[in-house]
Amino acid sequence: MSTITIPMPDEDLVFLRAYSNTLGTSAEAFLARQARNLRRHLQQPIQGDVEAASGIIPSQVDPEASYRDHLEKKHG
């Protein structure tokens, strides 16, 4: 296991320790769990309906060609 030092304002550290204490854990364990959850979340693919609603353009789409097609349909 690796160790890091994170500089932060004293008031943030006080809050972090108090909050993690209410969860029954340490600030270090809380931050480690948050990092694991973020990694897991970012590694999961976005569901199709969520992706469609988000406006994210799929990586296989050529945005310039798509825009030219749109303009051609609109003005052609």
PDB file of N, CA and C in Angstrom:
ATOM      1  N   MET A   1       0.843  -1.166   0.000  1.00  0.00           N
ATOM      2  CA  MET A   1       0.000   0.000   0.000  1.00  0.00           C
ATOM      3  C   MET A   1       0.892   1.234   0.000  1.00  0.00           C
ATOM      4  N   SER A   2       0.505   2.227  -0.777  1.00  0.00           N
ATOM      5  CA  SER A   2       1.267   3.468  -0.878  1.00  0.00           C
ATOM      6  C   SER A   2       0.713   4.515   0.066  1.00  0.00           C
ATOM      7  N   THR A   3       1.547   5.479   0.372  1.00  0.00           N
ATOM      8  CA  THR A   3       1.160   6.584   1.241  1.00  0.00           C
ATOM      9  C   THR A   3       1.397   7.890   0.500  1.00  0.00           C
ATOM     10  N   ILE A   4       0.447   8.833   0.631  1.00  0.00           N
ATOM     11  CA  ILE A   4       0.611  10.151   0.033  1.00  0.00           C
ATOM     12  C   ILE A   4       0.337  11.215   1.095  1.00  0.00           C
ATOM     13  N   THR A   5       0.824  12.402   0.838  1.00  0.00           N
ATOM     14  CA  THR A   5       0.549  13.548   1.693  1.00  0.00           C
ATOM     15  C   THR A   5      -0.278  14.530   0.871  1.00  0.00           C
ATOM     16  N   ILE A   6      -1.411  14.952   1.415  1.00  0.00           N
ATOM     17  CA  ILE A   6      -2.287  15.868   0.703  1.00  0.00           C
ATOM     18  C   ILE A   6      -2.394  17.169   1.493  1.00  0.00           C
ATOM     19  N   PRO A   7      -1.823  18.243   0.976  1.00  0.00           N
ATOM     20  CA  PRO A   7      -1.981  19.516   1.674  1.00  0.00           C
ATOM     21  C   PRO A   7      -3.418  20.020   1.518  1.00  0.00           C
ATOM     22  N   MET A   8      -4.010  20.470   2.609  1.00  0.00           N
ATOM     23  CA  MET A   8      -5.351  21.037   2.561  1.00  0.00           C
ATOM     24  C   MET A   8      -5.513  22.013   3.711  1.00  0.00           C
ATOM     25  N   PRO A   9      -6.448  22.942   3.551  1.00  0.00           N
ATOM     26  CA  PRO A   9      -6.685  23.897   4.631  1.00  0.00           C
ATOM     27  C   PRO A   9      -7.119  23.175   5.914  1.00  0.00           C
ATOM     28  N   ASP A  10      -6.732  23.746   7.040  1.00  0.00           N
ATOM     29  CA  ASP A  10      -7.045  23.134   8.339  1.00  0.00           C
ATOM     30  C   ASP A  10      -8.538  22.895   8.511  1.00  0.00           C
ATOM     31  N   GLU A  11      -9.352  23.868   8.090  1.00  0.00           N
ATOM     32  CA  GLU A  11     -10.802  23.710   8.277  1.00  0.00           C
ATOM     33  C   GLU A  11     -11.356  22.543   7.467  1.00  0.00           C
ATOM     34  N   ASP A  12     -10.768  22.270   6.292  1.00  0.00           N
ATOM     35  CA  ASP A  12     -11.198  21.120   5.499  1.00  0.00           C
ATOM     36  C   ASP A  12     -10.810  19.811   6.189  1.00  0.00           C
ATOM     37  N   LEU A  13      -9.620  19.780   6.762  1.00  0.00           N
ATOM     38  CA  LEU A  13      -9.178  18.575   7.465  1.00  0.00           C
ATOM     39  C   LEU A  13     -10.029  18.321   8.707  1.00  0.00           C
ATOM     40  N   VAL A  14     -10.357  19.376   9.432  1.00  0.00           N
ATOM     41  CA  VAL A  14     -11.229  19.233  10.601  1.00  0.00           C
ATOM     42  C   VAL A  14     -12.581  18.672  10.172  1.00  0.00           C
ATOM     43  N   PHE A  15     -13.134  19.233   9.087  1.00  0.00           N
ATOM     44  CA  PHE A  15     -14.414  18.733   8.582  1.00  0.00           C
ATOM     45  C   PHE A  15     -14.306  17.271   8.155  1.00  0.00           C
ATOM     46  N   LEU A  16     -13.259  16.943   7.399  1.00  0.00           N
ATOM     47  CA  LEU A  16     -13.076  15.578   6.902  1.00  0.00           C
ATOM     48  C   LEU A  16     -12.982  14.581   8.052  1.00  0.00           C
ATOM     49  N   ARG A  17     -12.216  14.923   9.065  1.00  0.00           N
ATOM     50  CA  ARG A  17     -12.094  14.019  10.217  1.00  0.00           C
ATOM     51  C   ARG A  17     -13.424  13.875  10.949  1.00  0.00           C
ATOM     52  N   ALA A  18     -14.145  14.970  11.146  1.00  0.00           N
ATOM     53  CA  ALA A  18     -15.432  14.907  11.840  1.00  0.00           C
ATOM     54  C   ALA A  18     -16.443  14.108  11.021  1.00  0.00           C
ATOM     55  N   TYR A  19     -16.492  14.352   9.714  1.00  0.00           N
ATOM     56  CA  TYR A  19     -17.442  13.646   8.858  1.00  0.00           C
ATOM     57  C   TYR A  19     -17.145  12.155   8.805  1.00  0.00           C
ATOM     58  N   SER A  20     -15.888  11.806   8.600  1.00  0.00           N
ATOM     59  CA  SER A  20     -15.540  10.382   8.527  1.00  0.00           C
ATOM     60  C   SER A  20     -15.789   9.700   9.869  1.00  0.00           C
ATOM     61  N   ASN A  21     -15.603  10.431  10.957  1.00  0.00           N
ATOM     62  CA  ASN A  21     -15.880   9.885  12.293  1.00  0.00           C
ATOM     63  C   ASN A  21     -17.365   9.541  12.443  1.00  0.00           C
ATOM     64  N   THR A  22     -18.250  10.379  11.875  1.00  0.00           N
ATOM     65  CA  THR A  22     -19.691  10.074  11.954  1.00  0.00           C
ATOM     66  C   THR A  22     -20.028   8.813  11.162  1.00  0.00           C
ATOM     67  N   LEU A  23     -19.188   8.480  10.187  1.00  0.00           N
ATOM     68  CA  LEU A  23     -19.387   7.258   9.403  1.00  0.00           C
ATOM     69  C   LEU A  23     -18.711   6.053  10.033  1.00  0.00           C
ATOM     70  N   GLY A  24     -18.004   6.293  11.131  1.00  0.00           N
ATOM     71  CA  GLY A  24     -17.333   5.201  11.828  1.00  0.00           C
ATOM     72  C   GLY A  24     -16.037   4.767  11.165  1.00  0.00           C
ATOM     73  N   THR A  25     -15.372   5.699  10.506  1.00  0.00           N
ATOM     74  CA  THR A  25     -14.125   5.372   9.829  1.00  0.00           C
ATOM     75  C   THR A  25     -13.139   6.524  10.017  1.00  0.00           C
ATOM     76  N   SER A  26     -11.931   6.325   9.547  1.00  0.00           N
ATOM     77  CA  SER A  26     -10.932   7.389   9.622  1.00  0.00           C
ATOM     78  C   SER A  26     -10.982   8.230   8.350  1.00  0.00           C
ATOM     79  N   ALA A  27     -10.386   9.402   8.421  1.00  0.00           N
ATOM     80  CA  ALA A  27     -10.316  10.261   7.238  1.00  0.00           C
ATOM     81  C   ALA A  27      -9.547   9.553   6.120  1.00  0.00           C
ATOM     82  N   GLU A  28      -8.470   8.863   6.481  1.00  0.00           N
ATOM     83  CA  GLU A  28      -7.666   8.159   5.484  1.00  0.00           C
ATOM     84  C   GLU A  28      -8.462   7.041   4.810  1.00  0.00           C
ATOM     85  N   ALA A  29      -9.191   6.267   5.602  1.00  0.00           N
ATOM     86  CA  ALA A  29     -10.000   5.180   5.037  1.00  0.00           C
ATOM     87  C   ALA A  29     -11.130   5.733   4.174  1.00  0.00           C
ATOM     88  N   PHE A  30     -11.716   6.837   4.609  1.00  0.00           N
ATOM     89  CA  PHE A  30     -12.781   7.468   3.836  1.00  0.00           C
ATOM     90  C   PHE A  30     -12.259   7.918   2.474  1.00  0.00           C
ATOM     91  N   LEU A  31     -11.100   8.594   2.443  1.00  0.00           N
ATOM     92  CA  LEU A  31     -10.529   9.053   1.175  1.00  0.00           C
ATOM     93  C   LEU A  31     -10.137   7.883   0.282  1.00  0.00           C
ATOM     94  N   ALA A  32      -9.603   6.825   0.867  1.00  0.00           N
ATOM     95  CA  ALA A  32      -9.245   5.644   0.078  1.00  0.00           C
ATOM     96  C   ALA A  32     -10.491   5.020  -0.550  1.00  0.00           C
ATOM     97  N   ARG A  33     -11.567   4.945   0.215  1.00  0.00           N
ATOM     98  CA  ARG A  33     -12.822   4.384  -0.312  1.00  0.00           C
ATOM     99  C   ARG A  33     -13.375   5.265  -1.428  1.00  0.00           C
ATOM    100  N   GLN A  34     -13.300   6.578  -1.250  1.00  0.00           N
ATOM    101  CA  GLN A  34     -13.780   7.491  -2.290  1.00  0.00           C
ATOM    102  C   GLN A  34     -12.976   7.318  -3.577  1.00  0.00           C
ATOM    103  N   ALA A  35     -11.660   7.150  -3.457  1.00  0.00           N
ATOM    104  CA  ALA A  35     -10.822   6.946  -4.638  1.00  0.00           C
ATOM    105  C   ALA A  35     -11.182   5.646  -5.352  1.00  0.00           C
ATOM    106  N   ARG A  36     -11.401   4.565  -4.586  1.00  0.00           N
ATOM    107  CA  ARG A  36     -11.799   3.280  -5.189  1.00  0.00           C
ATOM    108  C   ARG A  36     -13.139   3.420  -5.902  1.00  0.00           C
ATOM    109  N   ASN A  37     -14.101   4.084  -5.258  1.00  0.00           N
ATOM    110  CA  ASN A  37     -15.424   4.263  -5.863  1.00  0.00           C
ATOM    111  C   ASN A  37     -15.342   5.087  -7.148  1.00  0.00           C
ATOM    112  N   LEU A  38     -14.526   6.131  -7.143  1.00  0.00           N
ATOM    113  CA  LEU A  38     -14.368   6.953  -8.335  1.00  0.00           C
ATOM    114  C   LEU A  38     -13.750   6.140  -9.466  1.00  0.00           C
ATOM    115  N   ARG A  39     -12.708   5.353  -9.157  1.00  0.00           N
ATOM    116  CA  ARG A  39     -12.076   4.524 -10.186  1.00  0.00           C
ATOM    117  C   ARG A  39     -13.078   3.541 -10.776  1.00  0.00           C
ATOM    118  N   ARG A  40     -13.836   2.854  -9.915  1.00  0.00           N
ATOM    119  CA  ARG A  40     -14.846   1.905 -10.391  1.00  0.00           C
ATOM    120  C   ARG A  40     -15.893   2.598 -11.254  1.00  0.00           C
ATOM    121  N   HIS A  41     -16.333   3.754 -10.803  1.00  0.00           N
ATOM    122  CA  HIS A  41     -17.357   4.497 -11.538  1.00  0.00           C
ATOM    123  C   HIS A  41     -16.859   4.905 -12.927  1.00  0.00           C
ATOM    124  N   LEU A  42     -15.634   5.389 -13.011  1.00  0.00           N
ATOM    125  CA  LEU A  42     -15.098   5.850 -14.287  1.00  0.00           C
ATOM    126  C   LEU A  42     -14.770   4.704 -15.233  1.00  0.00           C
ATOM    127  N   GLN A  43     -14.569   3.502 -14.708  1.00  0.00           N
ATOM    128  CA  GLN A  43     -14.258   2.353 -15.560  1.00  0.00           C
ATOM    129  C   GLN A  43     -15.507   1.705 -16.142  1.00  0.00           C
ATOM    130  N   GLN A  44     -16.671   2.023 -15.598  1.00  0.00           N
ATOM    131  CA  GLN A  44     -17.901   1.431 -16.114  1.00  0.00           C
ATOM    132  C   GLN A  44     -18.348   2.182 -17.363  1.00  0.00           C
ATOM    133  N   PRO A  45     -18.798   1.445 -18.382  1.00  0.00           N
ATOM    134  CA  PRO A  45     -19.295   2.130 -19.574  1.00  0.00           C
ATOM    135  C   PRO A  45     -20.605   2.860 -19.255  1.00  0.00           C
ATOM    136  N   ILE A  46     -20.816   3.948 -19.958  1.00  0.00           N
ATOM    137  CA  ILE A  46     -22.056   4.701 -19.789  1.00  0.00           C
ATOM    138  C   ILE A  46     -23.177   3.929 -20.471  1.00  0.00           C
ATOM    139  N   GLN A  47     -24.309   3.785 -19.804  1.00  0.00           N
ATOM    140  CA  GLN A  47     -25.446   3.079 -20.385  1.00  0.00           C
ATOM    141  C   GLN A  47     -25.967   3.870 -21.581  1.00  0.00           C
ATOM    142  N   GLY A  48     -26.501   3.152 -22.565  1.00  0.00           N
ATOM    143  CA  GLY A  48     -26.949   3.767 -23.817  1.00  0.00           C
ATOM    144  C   GLY A  48     -27.940   4.891 -23.641  1.00  0.00           C
ATOM    145  N   ASP A  49     -28.956   4.699 -22.804  1.00  0.00           N
ATOM    146  CA  ASP A  49     -29.967   5.747 -22.633  1.00  0.00           C
ATOM    147  C   ASP A  49     -29.396   6.967 -21.929  1.00  0.00           C
ATOM    148  N   VAL A  50     -28.460   6.747 -21.017  1.00  0.00           N
ATOM    149  CA  VAL A  50     -27.809   7.870 -20.334  1.00  0.00           C
ATOM    150  C   VAL A  50     -26.912   8.620 -21.308  1.00  0.00           C
ATOM    151  N   GLU A  51     -26.170   7.878 -22.133  1.00  0.00           N
ATOM    152  CA  GLU A  51     -25.302   8.503 -23.119  1.00  0.00           C
ATOM    153  C   GLU A  51     -26.117   9.323 -24.114  1.00  0.00           C
ATOM    154  N   ALA A  52     -27.244   8.785 -24.558  1.00  0.00           N
ATOM    155  CA  ALA A  52     -28.088   9.506 -25.513  1.00  0.00           C
ATOM    156  C   ALA A  52     -28.637  10.793 -24.902  1.00  0.00           C
ATOM    157  N   ALA A  53     -29.029  10.737 -23.644  1.00  0.00           N
ATOM    158  CA  ALA A  53     -29.585  11.913 -22.987  1.00  0.00           C
ATOM    159  C   ALA A  53     -28.520  12.936 -22.627  1.00  0.00           C
ATOM    160  N   SER A  54     -27.263  12.503 -22.511  1.00  0.00           N
ATOM    161  CA  SER A  54     -26.195  13.398 -22.074  1.00  0.00           C
ATOM    162  C   SER A  54     -25.680  14.299 -23.185  1.00  0.00           C
ATOM    163  N   GLY A  55     -25.887  13.908 -24.428  1.00  0.00           N
ATOM    164  CA  GLY A  55     -25.352  14.680 -25.535  1.00  0.00           C
ATOM    165  C   GLY A  55     -23.899  14.359 -25.838  1.00  0.00           C
ATOM    166  N   ILE A  56     -23.351  13.317 -25.204  1.00  0.00           N
ATOM    167  CA  ILE A  56     -21.971  12.908 -25.467  1.00  0.00           C
ATOM    168  C   ILE A  56     -21.907  12.283 -26.857  1.00  0.00           C
ATOM    169  N   ILE A  57     -20.988  12.750 -27.654  1.00  0.00           N
ATOM    170  CA  ILE A  57     -20.833  12.216 -29.007  1.00  0.00           C
ATOM    171  C   ILE A  57     -19.964  10.963 -28.935  1.00  0.00           C
ATOM    172  N   PRO A  58     -20.468   9.824 -29.446  1.00  0.00           N
ATOM    173  CA  PRO A  58     -19.667   8.595 -29.425  1.00  0.00           C
ATOM    174  C   PRO A  58     -18.340   8.790 -30.151  1.00  0.00           C
ATOM    175  N   SER A  59     -17.302   8.100 -29.703  1.00  0.00           N
ATOM    176  CA  SER A  59     -15.956   8.288 -30.260  1.00  0.00           C
ATOM    177  C   SER A  59     -15.857   7.885 -31.727  1.00  0.00           C
ATOM    178  N   GLN A  60     -16.733   6.996 -32.213  1.00  0.00           N
ATOM    179  CA  GLN A  60     -16.656   6.562 -33.600  1.00  0.00           C
ATOM    180  C   GLN A  60     -17.298   7.557 -34.570  1.00  0.00           C
ATOM    181  N   VAL A  61     -17.938   8.608 -34.048  1.00  0.00           N
ATOM    182  CA  VAL A  61     -18.577   9.608 -34.894  1.00  0.00           C
ATOM    183  C   VAL A  61     -17.553  10.681 -35.265  1.00  0.00           C
ATOM    184  N   ASP A  62     -17.498  11.008 -36.553  1.00  0.00           N
ATOM    185  CA  ASP A  62     -16.637  12.096 -37.025  1.00  0.00           C
ATOM    186  C   ASP A  62     -17.452  13.387 -36.908  1.00  0.00           C
ATOM    187  N   PRO A  63     -17.153  14.245 -35.943  1.00  0.00           N
ATOM    188  CA  PRO A  63     -17.988  15.420 -35.717  1.00  0.00           C
ATOM    189  C   PRO A  63     -18.009  16.386 -36.899  1.00  0.00           C
ATOM    190  N   GLU A  64     -16.892  16.544 -37.599  1.00  0.00           N
ATOM    191  CA  GLU A  64     -16.868  17.467 -38.734  1.00  0.00           C
ATOM    192  C   GLU A  64     -17.743  16.953 -39.876  1.00  0.00           C
ATOM    193  N   ALA A  65     -17.657  15.658 -40.156  1.00  0.00           N
ATOM    194  CA  ALA A  65     -18.488  15.078 -41.220  1.00  0.00           C
ATOM    195  C   ALA A  65     -19.960  15.142 -40.830  1.00  0.00           C
ATOM    196  N   SER A  66     -20.242  14.890 -39.576  1.00  0.00           N
ATOM    197  CA  SER A  66     -21.617  14.954 -39.098  1.00  0.00           C
ATOM    198  C   SER A  66     -22.173  16.368 -39.238  1.00  0.00           C
ATOM    199  N   TYR A  67     -21.361  17.362 -38.910  1.00  0.00           N
ATOM    200  CA  TYR A  67     -21.793  18.753 -39.026  1.00  0.00           C
ATOM    201  C   TYR A  67     -22.008  19.135 -40.485  1.00  0.00           C
ATOM    202  N   ARG A  68     -21.103  18.699 -41.383  1.00  0.00           N
ATOM    203  CA  ARG A  68     -21.273  18.981 -42.816  1.00  0.00           C
ATOM    204  C   ARG A  68     -22.564  18.341 -43.335  1.00  0.00           C
ATOM    205  N   ASP A  69     -22.849  17.106 -42.921  1.00  0.00           N
ATOM    206  CA  ASP A  69     -24.089  16.439 -43.330  1.00  0.00           C
ATOM    207  C   ASP A  69     -25.301  17.222 -42.841  1.00  0.00           C
ATOM    208  N   HIS A  70     -25.228  17.684 -41.601  1.00  0.00           N
ATOM    209  CA  HIS A  70     -26.328  18.473 -41.035  1.00  0.00           C
ATOM    210  C   HIS A  70     -26.562  19.743 -41.858  1.00  0.00           C
ATOM    211  N   LEU A  71     -25.470  20.443 -42.173  1.00  0.00           N
ATOM    212  CA  LEU A  71     -25.604  21.674 -42.956  1.00  0.00           C
ATOM    213  C   LEU A  71     -26.157  21.402 -44.348  1.00  0.00           C
ATOM    214  N   GLU A  72     -25.716  20.299 -44.950  1.00  0.00           N
ATOM    215  CA  GLU A  72     -26.200  19.946 -46.282  1.00  0.00           C
ATOM    216  C   GLU A  72     -27.701  19.640 -46.267  1.00  0.00           C
ATOM    217  N   LYS A  73     -28.156  18.921 -45.245  1.00  0.00           N
ATOM    218  CA  LYS A  73     -29.583  18.613 -45.120  1.00  0.00           C
ATOM    219  C   LYS A  73     -30.394  19.869 -44.834  1.00  0.00           C
ATOM    220  N   LYS A  74     -29.835  20.748 -44.018  1.00  0.00           N
ATOM    221  CA  LYS A  74     -30.540  21.956 -43.610  1.00  0.00           C
ATOM    222  C   LYS A  74     -30.634  22.958 -44.775  1.00  0.00           C
ATOM    223  N   HIS A  75     -29.548  23.122 -45.520  1.00  0.00           N
ATOM    224  CA  HIS A  75     -29.484  24.150 -46.545  1.00  0.00           C
ATOM    225  C   HIS A  75     -29.518  23.590 -47.963  1.00  0.00           C
ATOM    226  N   GLY A  76     -29.497  22.271 -48.086  1.00  0.00           N
ATOM    227  CA  GLY A  76     -29.403  21.656 -49.410  1.00  0.00           C
ATOM    228  C   GLY A  76     -30.669  21.412 -50.039  1.00  0.00           C
TER     229      GLY A  76
END
